[in-house]
Amino acid sequence: MKANATEDDWSMTVTFSGNKAFTGPKSFRVEAKSVYQYPLTFSPQIEDDKFQCQMTMNNADTGFTQTYNLRGKADRGPPVRQLNS
């Protein structure tokens, strides 16, 4: 979530480095006096507990940068259905 309490709109860019299981929009805009809910997605292709990624958000209008260290774990889910023979 990105909160903008200022009178100016913000143009944000996002970069990911590390595991490709984490994704989201590469850029977004936060309007003045509003909150933007960033849609971060975790989509692992295998079971593992070692998913790591660094996500960096850069505000092109203020020059402010925030870096987040992301970790994910993918467990085997419950069975979807039973196979009958």
N, C-alpha and C. Protein backbone atom coordinates (compact mmCIF):
# COMPACT_ATOMS: atom_id res chain seq x y z
N MET A 1 0.84 -1.16 0.00
CA MET A 1 0.00 0.00 0.00
C MET A 1 0.90 1.23 0.00
N LYS A 2 0.53 2.20 -0.79
CA LYS A 2 1.30 3.44 -0.90
C LYS A 2 0.35 4.60 -0.63
N ALA A 3 0.62 5.37 0.42
CA ALA A 3 -0.22 6.50 0.79
C ALA A 3 0.44 7.81 0.38
N ASN A 4 -0.33 8.66 -0.28
CA ASN A 4 0.17 9.96 -0.73
C ASN A 4 -0.66 11.05 -0.07
N ALA A 5 -0.11 11.69 0.93
CA ALA A 5 -0.82 12.75 1.65
C ALA A 5 -0.54 14.13 1.07
N THR A 6 0.23 14.19 -0.01
CA THR A 6 0.62 15.48 -0.59
C THR A 6 -0.45 15.99 -1.56
N GLU A 7 -0.22 17.17 -2.09
CA GLU A 7 -1.11 17.78 -3.07
C GLU A 7 -0.75 17.39 -4.51
N ASP A 8 0.30 16.61 -4.68
CA ASP A 8 0.80 16.24 -6.01
C ASP A 8 0.62 14.75 -6.28
N ASP A 9 0.34 14.40 -7.54
CA ASP A 9 0.31 13.01 -7.96
C ASP A 9 1.74 12.47 -8.01
N TRP A 10 1.90 11.16 -7.78
CA TRP A 10 3.20 10.53 -7.83
C TRP A 10 3.24 9.50 -8.96
N SER A 11 4.35 9.45 -9.67
CA SER A 11 4.61 8.40 -10.66
C SER A 11 5.63 7.45 -10.05
N MET A 12 5.23 6.20 -9.90
CA MET A 12 6.07 5.21 -9.25
C MET A 12 6.54 4.16 -10.26
N THR A 13 7.78 3.69 -10.08
CA THR A 13 8.29 2.56 -10.85
C THR A 13 8.72 1.48 -9.88
N VAL A 14 8.62 0.24 -10.32
CA VAL A 14 8.93 -0.91 -9.47
C VAL A 14 9.86 -1.84 -10.21
N THR A 15 10.89 -2.31 -9.52
CA THR A 15 11.79 -3.33 -10.08
C THR A 15 11.87 -4.50 -9.11
N PHE A 16 12.02 -5.69 -9.69
CA PHE A 16 12.18 -6.91 -8.90
C PHE A 16 13.53 -7.52 -9.25
N SER A 17 14.23 -8.01 -8.24
CA SER A 17 15.47 -8.77 -8.48
C SER A 17 15.44 -9.99 -7.58
N GLY A 18 15.78 -11.11 -8.13
CA GLY A 18 15.72 -12.36 -7.38
C GLY A 18 14.74 -13.31 -8.03
N ASN A 19 14.06 -14.09 -7.23
CA ASN A 19 13.16 -15.12 -7.72
C ASN A 19 12.01 -14.53 -8.53
N LYS A 20 11.67 -15.18 -9.63
CA LYS A 20 10.62 -14.70 -10.54
C LYS A 20 9.21 -15.05 -10.07
N ALA A 21 9.06 -15.68 -8.91
CA ALA A 21 7.73 -16.03 -8.41
C ALA A 21 6.96 -14.79 -7.94
N PHE A 22 7.66 -13.69 -7.69
CA PHE A 22 7.02 -12.45 -7.27
C PHE A 22 6.87 -11.52 -8.47
N THR A 23 5.66 -11.00 -8.67
CA THR A 23 5.42 -10.09 -9.79
C THR A 23 4.43 -9.00 -9.38
N GLY A 24 4.39 -7.98 -10.19
CA GLY A 24 3.45 -6.88 -10.00
C GLY A 24 3.67 -5.86 -11.09
N PRO A 25 2.82 -4.84 -11.15
CA PRO A 25 2.97 -3.80 -12.17
C PRO A 25 4.34 -3.13 -12.09
N LYS A 26 4.91 -2.83 -13.25
CA LYS A 26 6.22 -2.17 -13.31
C LYS A 26 6.13 -0.67 -13.03
N SER A 27 4.93 -0.12 -13.17
CA SER A 27 4.73 1.30 -12.85
C SER A 27 3.28 1.52 -12.44
N PHE A 28 3.06 2.58 -11.66
CA PHE A 28 1.72 2.95 -11.25
C PHE A 28 1.73 4.40 -10.81
N ARG A 29 0.54 4.93 -10.64
CA ARG A 29 0.40 6.33 -10.25
C ARG A 29 -0.40 6.40 -8.96
N VAL A 30 0.05 7.23 -8.03
CA VAL A 30 -0.67 7.46 -6.79
C VAL A 30 -1.17 8.90 -6.83
N GLU A 31 -2.47 9.05 -6.92
CA GLU A 31 -3.04 10.39 -7.00
C GLU A 31 -2.90 11.12 -5.66
N ALA A 32 -2.90 12.44 -5.73
CA ALA A 32 -2.78 13.28 -4.53
C ALA A 32 -3.87 12.91 -3.52
N LYS A 33 -3.48 12.90 -2.24
CA LYS A 33 -4.41 12.65 -1.13
C LYS A 33 -5.17 11.33 -1.30
N SER A 34 -4.44 10.29 -1.72
CA SER A 34 -5.08 8.98 -1.90
C SER A 34 -4.12 7.86 -1.48
N VAL A 35 -4.66 6.66 -1.51
CA VAL A 35 -3.89 5.46 -1.18
C VAL A 35 -3.99 4.50 -2.35
N TYR A 36 -2.86 3.90 -2.72
CA TYR A 36 -2.81 2.92 -3.81
C TYR A 36 -2.48 1.57 -3.21
N GLN A 37 -3.31 0.57 -3.47
CA GLN A 37 -3.07 -0.79 -3.01
C GLN A 37 -2.29 -1.53 -4.09
N TYR A 38 -1.01 -1.78 -3.87
CA TYR A 38 -0.17 -2.42 -4.88
C TYR A 38 -0.51 -3.91 -4.98
N PRO A 39 -0.83 -4.41 -6.18
CA PRO A 39 -1.21 -5.82 -6.34
C PRO A 39 -0.01 -6.75 -6.52
N LEU A 40 0.67 -7.06 -5.45
CA LEU A 40 1.81 -7.98 -5.48
C LEU A 40 1.29 -9.41 -5.61
N THR A 41 1.89 -10.17 -6.52
CA THR A 41 1.47 -11.56 -6.76
C THR A 41 2.62 -12.50 -6.46
N PHE A 42 2.32 -13.60 -5.78
CA PHE A 42 3.28 -14.66 -5.52
C PHE A 42 2.75 -15.91 -6.22
N SER A 43 3.46 -16.36 -7.27
CA SER A 43 3.02 -17.50 -8.09
C SER A 43 4.15 -18.50 -8.27
N PRO A 44 4.45 -19.28 -7.23
CA PRO A 44 5.53 -20.26 -7.36
C PRO A 44 5.12 -21.42 -8.26
N GLN A 45 6.09 -22.00 -8.94
CA GLN A 45 5.84 -23.13 -9.84
C GLN A 45 6.19 -24.47 -9.20
N ILE A 46 6.87 -24.42 -8.06
CA ILE A 46 7.27 -25.65 -7.35
C ILE A 46 7.07 -25.45 -5.86
N GLU A 47 7.03 -26.55 -5.12
CA GLU A 47 7.00 -26.48 -3.66
C GLU A 47 8.39 -26.14 -3.17
N ASP A 48 8.48 -25.14 -2.32
CA ASP A 48 9.78 -24.74 -1.78
C ASP A 48 9.55 -23.69 -0.69
N ASP A 49 10.52 -23.53 0.18
CA ASP A 49 10.42 -22.48 1.20
C ASP A 49 11.55 -21.47 1.07
N LYS A 50 12.16 -21.41 -0.10
CA LYS A 50 13.33 -20.55 -0.29
C LYS A 50 13.12 -19.49 -1.36
N PHE A 51 11.90 -19.03 -1.55
CA PHE A 51 11.64 -17.97 -2.52
C PHE A 51 12.02 -16.63 -1.92
N GLN A 52 12.97 -15.94 -2.55
CA GLN A 52 13.40 -14.63 -2.06
C GLN A 52 13.52 -13.66 -3.23
N CYS A 53 13.17 -12.42 -2.96
CA CYS A 53 13.19 -11.40 -4.00
C CYS A 53 13.33 -10.04 -3.33
N GLN A 54 13.90 -9.12 -4.05
CA GLN A 54 13.97 -7.73 -3.58
C GLN A 54 13.11 -6.87 -4.52
N MET A 55 12.18 -6.14 -3.93
CA MET A 55 11.30 -5.25 -4.69
C MET A 55 11.65 -3.82 -4.32
N THR A 56 11.94 -3.00 -5.34
CA THR A 56 12.30 -1.60 -5.11
C THR A 56 11.26 -0.71 -5.76
N MET A 57 10.69 0.21 -4.96
CA MET A 57 9.74 1.20 -5.47
C MET A 57 10.43 2.55 -5.49
N ASN A 58 10.39 3.18 -6.65
CA ASN A 58 11.01 4.49 -6.81
C ASN A 58 9.95 5.52 -7.17
N ASN A 59 9.94 6.62 -6.41
CA ASN A 59 9.04 7.73 -6.70
C ASN A 59 9.78 8.69 -7.62
N ALA A 60 9.38 8.74 -8.88
CA ALA A 60 10.06 9.58 -9.86
C ALA A 60 9.88 11.07 -9.57
N ASP A 61 8.84 11.43 -8.84
CA ASP A 61 8.55 12.84 -8.57
C ASP A 61 9.30 13.38 -7.35
N THR A 62 9.57 12.53 -6.37
CA THR A 62 10.27 12.99 -5.15
C THR A 62 11.70 12.47 -5.06
N GLY A 63 12.01 11.42 -5.84
CA GLY A 63 13.33 10.80 -5.77
C GLY A 63 13.45 9.80 -4.62
N PHE A 64 12.39 9.59 -3.86
CA PHE A 64 12.41 8.66 -2.72
C PHE A 64 12.32 7.22 -3.20
N THR A 65 13.16 6.35 -2.64
CA THR A 65 13.18 4.93 -2.99
C THR A 65 12.99 4.09 -1.74
N GLN A 66 12.15 3.05 -1.86
CA GLN A 66 11.96 2.08 -0.78
C GLN A 66 12.27 0.69 -1.32
N THR A 67 12.97 -0.11 -0.53
CA THR A 67 13.31 -1.47 -0.92
C THR A 67 12.71 -2.44 0.09
N TYR A 68 12.08 -3.47 -0.43
CA TYR A 68 11.45 -4.50 0.40
C TYR A 68 12.09 -5.84 0.10
N ASN A 69 12.41 -6.60 1.13
CA ASN A 69 12.93 -7.95 0.98
C ASN A 69 11.75 -8.91 1.13
N LEU A 70 11.43 -9.63 0.07
CA LEU A 70 10.28 -10.52 0.05
C LEU A 70 10.72 -11.96 0.22
N ARG A 71 9.94 -12.72 0.97
CA ARG A 71 10.17 -14.15 1.14
C ARG A 71 8.85 -14.87 0.96
N GLY A 72 8.90 -16.02 0.32
CA GLY A 72 7.69 -16.79 0.11
C GLY A 72 7.93 -18.27 0.34
N LYS A 73 6.85 -18.96 0.68
CA LYS A 73 6.91 -20.40 0.90
C LYS A 73 5.73 -21.03 0.19
N ALA A 74 5.98 -22.08 -0.57
CA ALA A 74 4.92 -22.78 -1.30
C ALA A 74 4.82 -24.20 -0.77
N ASP A 75 3.71 -24.50 -0.14
CA ASP A 75 3.44 -25.84 0.36
C ASP A 75 2.49 -26.55 -0.59
N ARG A 76 2.46 -27.85 -0.47
CA ARG A 76 1.50 -28.63 -1.26
C ARG A 76 0.10 -28.29 -0.75
N GLY A 77 -0.76 -27.94 -1.65
CA GLY A 77 -2.14 -27.62 -1.29
C GLY A 77 -2.98 -28.86 -1.08
N PRO A 78 -4.20 -28.66 -0.60
CA PRO A 78 -5.09 -29.82 -0.43
C PRO A 78 -5.50 -30.37 -1.79
N PRO A 79 -5.91 -31.64 -1.84
CA PRO A 79 -6.33 -32.22 -3.12
C PRO A 79 -7.55 -31.47 -3.67
N VAL A 80 -7.58 -31.33 -4.99
CA VAL A 80 -8.68 -30.63 -5.63
C VAL A 80 -9.90 -31.55 -5.77
N ARG A 81 -9.65 -32.81 -6.11
CA ARG A 81 -10.74 -33.78 -6.23
C ARG A 81 -10.18 -35.17 -6.11
N GLN A 82 -11.06 -36.13 -5.99
CA GLN A 82 -10.67 -37.53 -5.86
C GLN A 82 -10.83 -38.22 -7.20
N LEU A 83 -9.86 -39.01 -7.60
CA LEU A 83 -9.93 -39.77 -8.84
C LEU A 83 -10.54 -41.13 -8.54
N ASN A 84 -11.52 -41.50 -9.32
CA ASN A 84 -12.15 -42.82 -9.18
C ASN A 84 -11.72 -43.70 -10.34
N SER A 85 -11.44 -44.95 -10.04
CA SER A 85 -11.04 -45.87 -11.13
C SER A 85 -12.16 -46.78 -11.53
